[in-house]
Amino acid sequence: TARDARRAFAQGLLSNLLNPKVALFYLTLLPQFVRPADNVLARSLLLAGVHVLIGLAWLVAYTYFLGRLSAALRRPRVRRALEGVTGSLLIGLGGRLAWDRR
């Protein structure tokens, strides 16, 4: 529902904003690209904005292609083939592990 989506968004936003690793990332990476003559705040916000836009573009593309893949994986024939391939791989890995000499 829309309420659950808002709650998930708020939780993700808060966990990202309060994550000290994110702050450390920006504090260590961004100063390398700011010249002493630049307005530090403006340049840092610009670089952070570019980072956010690139991340957003990646997530939109990722979501689009996973949606398309999800539709294909719902087909019984594709699902059966995928289960056969992954099952064979697991059997092969199990056999290799069983006969592996230490």
N, C-alpha and C. Protein backbone atom coordinates (compact mmCIF):
# COMPACT_ATOMS: atom_id res chain seq x y z
N THR A 1 0.84 -1.18 0.00
CA THR A 1 0.00 0.00 0.00
C THR A 1 0.88 1.25 0.00
N ALA A 2 0.26 2.38 -0.21
CA ALA A 2 1.00 3.64 -0.25
C ALA A 2 1.61 3.97 1.11
N ARG A 3 0.89 3.63 2.17
CA ARG A 3 1.40 3.90 3.51
C ARG A 3 2.65 3.06 3.80
N ASP A 4 2.62 1.79 3.40
CA ASP A 4 3.79 0.93 3.59
C ASP A 4 4.98 1.43 2.77
N ALA A 5 4.70 1.91 1.55
CA ALA A 5 5.77 2.43 0.71
C ALA A 5 6.40 3.67 1.33
N ARG A 6 5.57 4.56 1.88
CA ARG A 6 6.11 5.76 2.54
C ARG A 6 6.93 5.38 3.76
N ARG A 7 6.45 4.42 4.51
CA ARG A 7 7.17 3.98 5.70
C ARG A 7 8.52 3.36 5.31
N ALA A 8 8.53 2.54 4.28
CA ALA A 8 9.78 1.93 3.82
C ALA A 8 10.75 2.99 3.32
N PHE A 9 10.23 3.98 2.58
CA PHE A 9 11.08 5.06 2.09
C PHE A 9 11.68 5.85 3.25
N ALA A 10 10.84 6.20 4.23
CA ALA A 10 11.32 6.97 5.38
C ALA A 10 12.37 6.18 6.16
N GLN A 11 12.14 4.89 6.33
CA GLN A 11 13.10 4.06 7.06
C GLN A 11 14.43 3.99 6.31
N GLY A 12 14.37 3.81 4.99
CA GLY A 12 15.59 3.77 4.20
C GLY A 12 16.34 5.09 4.20
N LEU A 13 15.59 6.18 4.11
CA LEU A 13 16.21 7.51 4.12
C LEU A 13 16.89 7.77 5.46
N LEU A 14 16.21 7.48 6.55
CA LEU A 14 16.80 7.70 7.87
C LEU A 14 18.02 6.82 8.10
N SER A 15 17.95 5.57 7.69
CA SER A 15 19.10 4.69 7.90
C SER A 15 20.29 5.14 7.07
N ASN A 16 20.04 5.70 5.90
CA ASN A 16 21.13 6.19 5.07
C ASN A 16 21.70 7.49 5.62
N LEU A 17 20.84 8.40 6.06
CA LEU A 17 21.32 9.68 6.58
C LEU A 17 22.04 9.53 7.92
N LEU A 18 21.63 8.57 8.72
CA LEU A 18 22.25 8.39 10.03
C LEU A 18 23.40 7.39 10.01
N ASN A 19 23.72 6.87 8.84
CA ASN A 19 24.80 5.90 8.70
C ASN A 19 26.14 6.64 8.69
N PRO A 20 27.01 6.39 9.65
CA PRO A 20 28.29 7.12 9.67
C PRO A 20 29.19 6.79 8.49
N LYS A 21 29.01 5.63 7.87
CA LYS A 21 29.84 5.28 6.72
C LYS A 21 29.58 6.22 5.54
N VAL A 22 28.33 6.66 5.38
CA VAL A 22 28.01 7.59 4.30
C VAL A 22 28.72 8.92 4.54
N ALA A 23 28.68 9.42 5.76
CA ALA A 23 29.36 10.68 6.09
C ALA A 23 30.86 10.54 5.88
N LEU A 24 31.44 9.43 6.31
CA LEU A 24 32.88 9.21 6.11
C LEU A 24 33.24 9.14 4.63
N PHE A 25 32.38 8.52 3.84
CA PHE A 25 32.61 8.44 2.40
C PHE A 25 32.71 9.83 1.80
N TYR A 26 31.73 10.68 2.11
CA TYR A 26 31.74 12.02 1.55
C TYR A 26 32.87 12.87 2.13
N LEU A 27 33.18 12.71 3.39
CA LEU A 27 34.25 13.51 4.00
C LEU A 27 35.63 13.11 3.49
N THR A 28 35.80 11.88 3.06
CA THR A 28 37.11 11.45 2.57
C THR A 28 37.25 11.56 1.06
N LEU A 29 36.17 11.37 0.33
CA LEU A 29 36.27 11.37 -1.12
C LEU A 29 36.10 12.75 -1.74
N LEU A 30 35.12 13.50 -1.33
CA LEU A 30 34.81 14.76 -2.00
C LEU A 30 35.90 15.82 -1.90
N PRO A 31 36.61 15.98 -0.79
CA PRO A 31 37.62 17.04 -0.74
C PRO A 31 38.71 16.92 -1.81
N GLN A 32 38.92 15.75 -2.34
CA GLN A 32 39.92 15.58 -3.39
C GLN A 32 39.56 16.32 -4.66
N PHE A 33 38.27 16.60 -4.84
CA PHE A 33 37.79 17.23 -6.06
C PHE A 33 37.39 18.68 -5.87
N VAL A 34 37.72 19.26 -4.73
CA VAL A 34 37.40 20.66 -4.45
C VAL A 34 38.71 21.44 -4.40
N ARG A 35 38.83 22.43 -5.29
CA ARG A 35 40.03 23.27 -5.30
C ARG A 35 39.94 24.29 -4.16
N PRO A 36 41.07 24.76 -3.68
CA PRO A 36 41.04 25.75 -2.59
C PRO A 36 40.30 27.04 -2.97
N ALA A 37 40.29 27.40 -4.25
CA ALA A 37 39.63 28.64 -4.67
C ALA A 37 38.12 28.47 -4.79
N ASP A 38 37.63 27.25 -4.79
CA ASP A 38 36.19 26.99 -4.95
C ASP A 38 35.42 27.30 -3.67
N ASN A 39 34.13 27.52 -3.85
CA ASN A 39 33.21 27.58 -2.71
C ASN A 39 33.03 26.12 -2.27
N VAL A 40 33.55 25.79 -1.12
CA VAL A 40 33.60 24.39 -0.67
C VAL A 40 32.21 23.79 -0.55
N LEU A 41 31.28 24.52 0.06
CA LEU A 41 29.94 23.99 0.25
C LEU A 41 29.24 23.76 -1.08
N ALA A 42 29.32 24.76 -1.97
CA ALA A 42 28.64 24.64 -3.27
C ALA A 42 29.23 23.49 -4.09
N ARG A 43 30.55 23.38 -4.13
CA ARG A 43 31.19 22.32 -4.91
C ARG A 43 30.88 20.95 -4.31
N SER A 44 30.90 20.85 -3.00
CA SER A 44 30.60 19.57 -2.34
C SER A 44 29.16 19.15 -2.59
N LEU A 45 28.23 20.11 -2.52
CA LEU A 45 26.83 19.79 -2.80
C LEU A 45 26.64 19.39 -4.25
N LEU A 46 27.36 20.05 -5.16
CA LEU A 46 27.28 19.67 -6.58
C LEU A 46 27.77 18.24 -6.79
N LEU A 47 28.90 17.92 -6.21
CA LEU A 47 29.45 16.57 -6.37
C LEU A 47 28.55 15.52 -5.72
N ALA A 48 28.01 15.83 -4.56
CA ALA A 48 27.08 14.90 -3.91
C ALA A 48 25.82 14.73 -4.76
N GLY A 49 25.34 15.83 -5.36
CA GLY A 49 24.17 15.76 -6.23
C GLY A 49 24.42 14.89 -7.45
N VAL A 50 25.61 15.03 -8.04
CA VAL A 50 25.96 14.19 -9.19
C VAL A 50 25.99 12.72 -8.77
N HIS A 51 26.54 12.46 -7.60
CA HIS A 51 26.59 11.09 -7.09
C HIS A 51 25.18 10.53 -6.89
N VAL A 52 24.30 11.34 -6.34
CA VAL A 52 22.91 10.90 -6.12
C VAL A 52 22.21 10.65 -7.46
N LEU A 53 22.41 11.53 -8.45
CA LEU A 53 21.77 11.34 -9.75
C LEU A 53 22.28 10.09 -10.47
N ILE A 54 23.56 9.84 -10.38
CA ILE A 54 24.10 8.62 -11.00
C ILE A 54 23.52 7.38 -10.30
N GLY A 55 23.46 7.42 -8.98
CA GLY A 55 22.86 6.31 -8.23
C GLY A 55 21.40 6.12 -8.58
N LEU A 56 20.67 7.22 -8.73
CA LEU A 56 19.25 7.14 -9.09
C LEU A 56 19.07 6.55 -10.49
N ALA A 57 19.91 6.99 -11.44
CA ALA A 57 19.83 6.44 -12.80
C ALA A 57 20.10 4.94 -12.79
N TRP A 58 21.10 4.51 -12.01
CA TRP A 58 21.41 3.09 -11.91
C TRP A 58 20.24 2.31 -11.33
N LEU A 59 19.64 2.83 -10.26
CA LEU A 59 18.54 2.11 -9.62
C LEU A 59 17.30 2.05 -10.51
N VAL A 60 17.05 3.11 -11.28
CA VAL A 60 15.91 3.09 -12.21
C VAL A 60 16.14 2.03 -13.29
N ALA A 61 17.35 2.00 -13.87
CA ALA A 61 17.65 1.00 -14.89
C ALA A 61 17.58 -0.41 -14.31
N TYR A 62 18.13 -0.58 -13.13
CA TYR A 62 18.13 -1.87 -12.43
C TYR A 62 16.70 -2.35 -12.19
N THR A 63 15.86 -1.45 -11.72
CA THR A 63 14.46 -1.79 -11.46
C THR A 63 13.73 -2.16 -12.74
N TYR A 64 13.97 -1.40 -13.79
CA TYR A 64 13.32 -1.68 -15.07
C TYR A 64 13.69 -3.07 -15.58
N PHE A 65 14.99 -3.37 -15.61
CA PHE A 65 15.42 -4.65 -16.15
C PHE A 65 15.02 -5.82 -15.26
N LEU A 66 15.02 -5.62 -13.95
CA LEU A 66 14.56 -6.70 -13.07
C LEU A 66 13.06 -6.94 -13.22
N GLY A 67 12.30 -5.88 -13.49
CA GLY A 67 10.87 -6.05 -13.76
C GLY A 67 10.65 -6.87 -15.01
N ARG A 68 11.44 -6.59 -16.04
CA ARG A 68 11.33 -7.37 -17.28
C ARG A 68 11.76 -8.82 -17.05
N LEU A 69 12.83 -9.00 -16.30
CA LEU A 69 13.31 -10.35 -16.00
C LEU A 69 12.29 -11.11 -15.15
N SER A 70 11.65 -10.42 -14.23
CA SER A 70 10.64 -11.05 -13.38
C SER A 70 9.49 -11.61 -14.21
N ALA A 71 9.08 -10.85 -15.22
CA ALA A 71 8.00 -11.33 -16.09
C ALA A 71 8.42 -12.60 -16.82
N ALA A 72 9.67 -12.64 -17.27
CA ALA A 72 10.15 -13.83 -17.98
C ALA A 72 10.28 -15.02 -17.04
N LEU A 73 10.71 -14.78 -15.82
CA LEU A 73 10.92 -15.88 -14.87
C LEU A 73 9.61 -16.47 -14.36
N ARG A 74 8.51 -15.79 -14.57
CA ARG A 74 7.22 -16.33 -14.13
C ARG A 74 6.69 -17.40 -15.10
N ARG A 75 7.25 -17.47 -16.28
CA ARG A 75 6.80 -18.48 -17.23
C ARG A 75 7.25 -19.87 -16.75
N PRO A 76 6.34 -20.85 -16.77
CA PRO A 76 6.69 -22.18 -16.25
C PRO A 76 7.87 -22.83 -16.97
N ARG A 77 7.96 -22.65 -18.28
CA ARG A 77 9.04 -23.28 -19.04
C ARG A 77 10.40 -22.70 -18.65
N VAL A 78 10.46 -21.39 -18.51
CA VAL A 78 11.71 -20.73 -18.12
C VAL A 78 12.09 -21.14 -16.70
N ARG A 79 11.11 -21.16 -15.82
CA ARG A 79 11.36 -21.52 -14.43
C ARG A 79 11.88 -22.96 -14.33
N ARG A 80 11.27 -23.87 -15.08
CA ARG A 80 11.69 -25.28 -15.06
C ARG A 80 13.13 -25.40 -15.59
N ALA A 81 13.45 -24.69 -16.66
CA ALA A 81 14.80 -24.75 -17.21
C ALA A 81 15.82 -24.18 -16.23
N LEU A 82 15.48 -23.07 -15.60
CA LEU A 82 16.39 -22.46 -14.63
C LEU A 82 16.60 -23.36 -13.42
N GLU A 83 15.54 -24.00 -12.95
CA GLU A 83 15.68 -24.93 -11.83
C GLU A 83 16.52 -26.13 -12.22
N GLY A 84 16.38 -26.60 -13.47
CA GLY A 84 17.20 -27.72 -13.93
C GLY A 84 18.67 -27.36 -13.99
N VAL A 85 18.97 -26.17 -14.51
CA VAL A 85 20.37 -25.73 -14.61
C VAL A 85 20.97 -25.54 -13.23
N THR A 86 20.26 -24.83 -12.36
CA THR A 86 20.82 -24.59 -11.02
C THR A 86 20.91 -25.89 -10.22
N GLY A 87 19.95 -26.78 -10.38
CA GLY A 87 20.02 -28.07 -9.70
C GLY A 87 21.21 -28.89 -10.17
N SER A 88 21.45 -28.89 -11.47
CA SER A 88 22.61 -29.62 -12.01
C SER A 88 23.91 -29.03 -11.48
N LEU A 89 23.99 -27.70 -11.42
CA LEU A 89 25.19 -27.07 -10.88
C LEU A 89 25.41 -27.45 -9.42
N LEU A 90 24.35 -27.46 -8.64
CA LEU A 90 24.49 -27.83 -7.23
C LEU A 90 24.90 -29.28 -7.07
N ILE A 91 24.34 -30.17 -7.89
CA ILE A 91 24.74 -31.58 -7.84
C ILE A 91 26.21 -31.72 -8.22
N GLY A 92 26.62 -30.99 -9.27
CA GLY A 92 28.03 -31.03 -9.69
C GLY A 92 28.96 -30.51 -8.60
N LEU A 93 28.59 -29.41 -7.97
CA LEU A 93 29.42 -28.88 -6.89
C LEU A 93 29.46 -29.83 -5.70
N GLY A 94 28.34 -30.46 -5.40
CA GLY A 94 28.31 -31.44 -4.32
C GLY A 94 29.18 -32.64 -4.63
N GLY A 95 29.13 -33.12 -5.87
CA GLY A 95 29.98 -34.24 -6.28
C GLY A 95 31.45 -33.88 -6.21
N ARG A 96 31.77 -32.68 -6.65
CA ARG A 96 33.17 -32.25 -6.59
C ARG A 96 33.65 -32.16 -5.14
N LEU A 97 32.79 -31.66 -4.29
CA LEU A 97 33.14 -31.56 -2.87
C LEU A 97 33.30 -32.95 -2.25
N ALA A 98 32.45 -33.89 -2.64
CA ALA A 98 32.51 -35.25 -2.09
C ALA A 98 33.79 -35.97 -2.52
N TRP A 99 34.25 -35.73 -3.75
CA TRP A 99 35.42 -36.43 -4.26
C TRP A 99 36.71 -35.60 -4.17
N ASP A 100 36.62 -34.46 -3.56
CA ASP A 100 37.80 -33.61 -3.43
C ASP A 100 38.76 -34.21 -2.42
N ARG A 101 40.01 -34.30 -2.79
CA ARG A 101 41.02 -34.86 -1.88
C ARG A 101 41.71 -33.71 -1.17
N ARG A 102 41.89 -33.88 0.10
CA ARG A 102 42.56 -32.83 0.89
C ARG A 102 43.95 -33.25 1.23
